[in-house]
Amino acid sequence: MSDNLTNDVREAIGKINDPHMGISIVEMGIVQDIAVDGDNVSIVLKPTNPGCMSIVRIAADTKNEAEKVDGIENAEIIVEGHAMADSINEMINKQ
């Protein structure tokens, strides 16, 4: 079941494009990992550069789209490799 959910999440967030490149964040390799545990999903994002100004928008869009997937209740977004990763993660994952 979690493999199906993982694929459903990947498909849902694959519709999100990098605002500068116009290419799917999945195709660009920004999505590093998707891990489903029950009705929770953890998604690791790594921007193409450590100062990417669009990563907050990408992370918020990723959380929103992932939580629309049937069977997913909560999405945790983990940004890695960005100068402000800790602050972004705290802001995006506030409940």
Protein backbone atom coordinates (compact mmCIF):
# COMPACT_ATOMS: atom_id res chain seq x y z
CA MET A 1 0.00 0.00 0.00
CA SER A 2 2.76 2.47 0.84
CA ASP A 3 4.33 1.89 -2.59
CA ASN A 4 1.05 2.93 -4.18
CA LEU A 5 0.84 5.98 -1.93
CA THR A 6 4.45 6.86 -2.69
CA ASN A 7 3.68 6.72 -6.41
CA ASP A 8 0.50 8.77 -5.91
CA VAL A 9 2.45 11.44 -4.01
CA ARG A 10 5.22 11.46 -6.64
CA GLU A 11 2.60 11.91 -9.36
CA ALA A 12 0.83 14.70 -7.45
CA ILE A 13 3.97 16.71 -6.71
CA GLY A 14 5.35 15.99 -10.17
CA LYS A 15 2.85 18.56 -11.44
CA ILE A 16 4.74 21.29 -9.57
CA ASN A 17 7.17 23.11 -11.82
CA ASP A 18 10.28 25.00 -10.85
CA PRO A 19 9.11 28.60 -11.40
CA HIS A 20 12.33 29.57 -13.20
CA MET A 21 12.83 26.54 -15.38
CA GLY A 22 9.24 25.46 -16.01
CA ILE A 23 10.25 21.84 -15.44
CA SER A 24 8.77 19.42 -12.91
CA ILE A 25 10.54 19.42 -9.54
CA VAL A 26 10.61 15.61 -9.78
CA GLU A 27 12.27 15.67 -13.22
CA MET A 28 14.78 18.29 -12.04
CA GLY A 29 15.85 16.11 -9.13
CA ILE A 30 14.75 18.61 -6.48
CA VAL A 31 12.68 15.83 -4.89
CA GLN A 32 15.31 13.67 -3.22
CA ASP A 33 13.13 11.25 -1.26
CA ILE A 34 9.49 10.37 -0.54
CA ALA A 35 8.82 8.17 2.50
CA VAL A 36 5.29 7.11 3.43
CA ASP A 37 4.53 5.90 6.95
CA GLY A 38 0.84 5.14 7.41
CA ASP A 39 -1.02 8.32 6.47
CA ASN A 40 2.08 10.50 6.83
CA VAL A 41 4.60 11.33 4.15
CA SER A 42 8.04 12.86 4.49
CA ILE A 43 9.43 14.55 1.39
CA VAL A 44 13.03 15.72 1.09
CA LEU A 45 13.69 18.62 -1.28
CA LYS A 46 17.11 19.85 -2.32
CA PRO A 47 17.17 23.03 -4.39
CA THR A 48 19.52 23.38 -7.33
CA ASN A 49 21.47 26.08 -5.49
CA PRO A 50 21.86 26.94 -1.78
CA GLY A 51 20.36 30.41 -2.20
CA CYS A 52 17.32 29.46 -4.30
CA MET A 53 14.65 32.08 -3.70
CA SER A 54 11.84 29.83 -4.93
CA ILE A 55 12.32 26.93 -2.53
CA VAL A 56 9.80 28.30 -0.01
CA ARG A 57 7.11 28.38 -2.68
CA ILE A 58 8.13 24.94 -3.96
CA ALA A 59 8.05 23.51 -0.42
CA ALA A 60 4.62 25.02 0.32
CA ASP A 61 3.22 23.77 -2.99
CA THR A 62 4.71 20.33 -2.32
CA LYS A 63 3.08 20.14 1.12
CA ASN A 64 -0.29 21.26 -0.27
CA GLU A 65 -0.29 18.84 -3.19
CA ALA A 66 0.93 15.89 -1.12
CA GLU A 67 -1.82 16.45 1.46
CA LYS A 68 -4.45 16.33 -1.31
CA VAL A 69 -3.53 12.71 -2.06
CA ASP A 70 -6.14 10.23 -0.81
CA GLY A 71 -4.62 8.34 2.11
CA ILE A 72 -2.22 11.11 3.15
CA GLU A 73 -3.16 13.10 6.23
CA ASN A 74 0.08 15.00 6.88
CA ALA A 75 3.11 15.88 4.78
CA GLU A 76 6.41 16.87 6.35
CA ILE A 77 8.68 18.76 4.01
CA ILE A 78 12.41 18.68 4.67
CA VAL A 79 14.54 21.14 2.74
CA GLU A 80 18.23 20.24 2.62
CA GLY A 81 21.20 22.02 1.12
CA HIS A 82 19.80 25.55 1.41
CA ALA A 83 21.34 28.39 3.39
CA MET A 84 18.06 28.88 5.30
CA ALA A 85 16.91 25.24 5.44
CA ASP A 86 16.22 25.19 9.19
CA SER A 87 14.03 28.30 9.07
CA ILE A 88 12.20 27.12 5.96
CA ASN A 89 11.51 23.70 7.48
CA GLU A 90 10.17 25.24 10.67
CA MET A 91 7.91 27.63 8.78
CA ILE A 92 6.54 25.09 6.27
CA ASN A 93 5.81 22.39 8.85
CA LYS A 94 4.03 24.54 11.44
CA GLN A 95 0.76 22.93 12.43
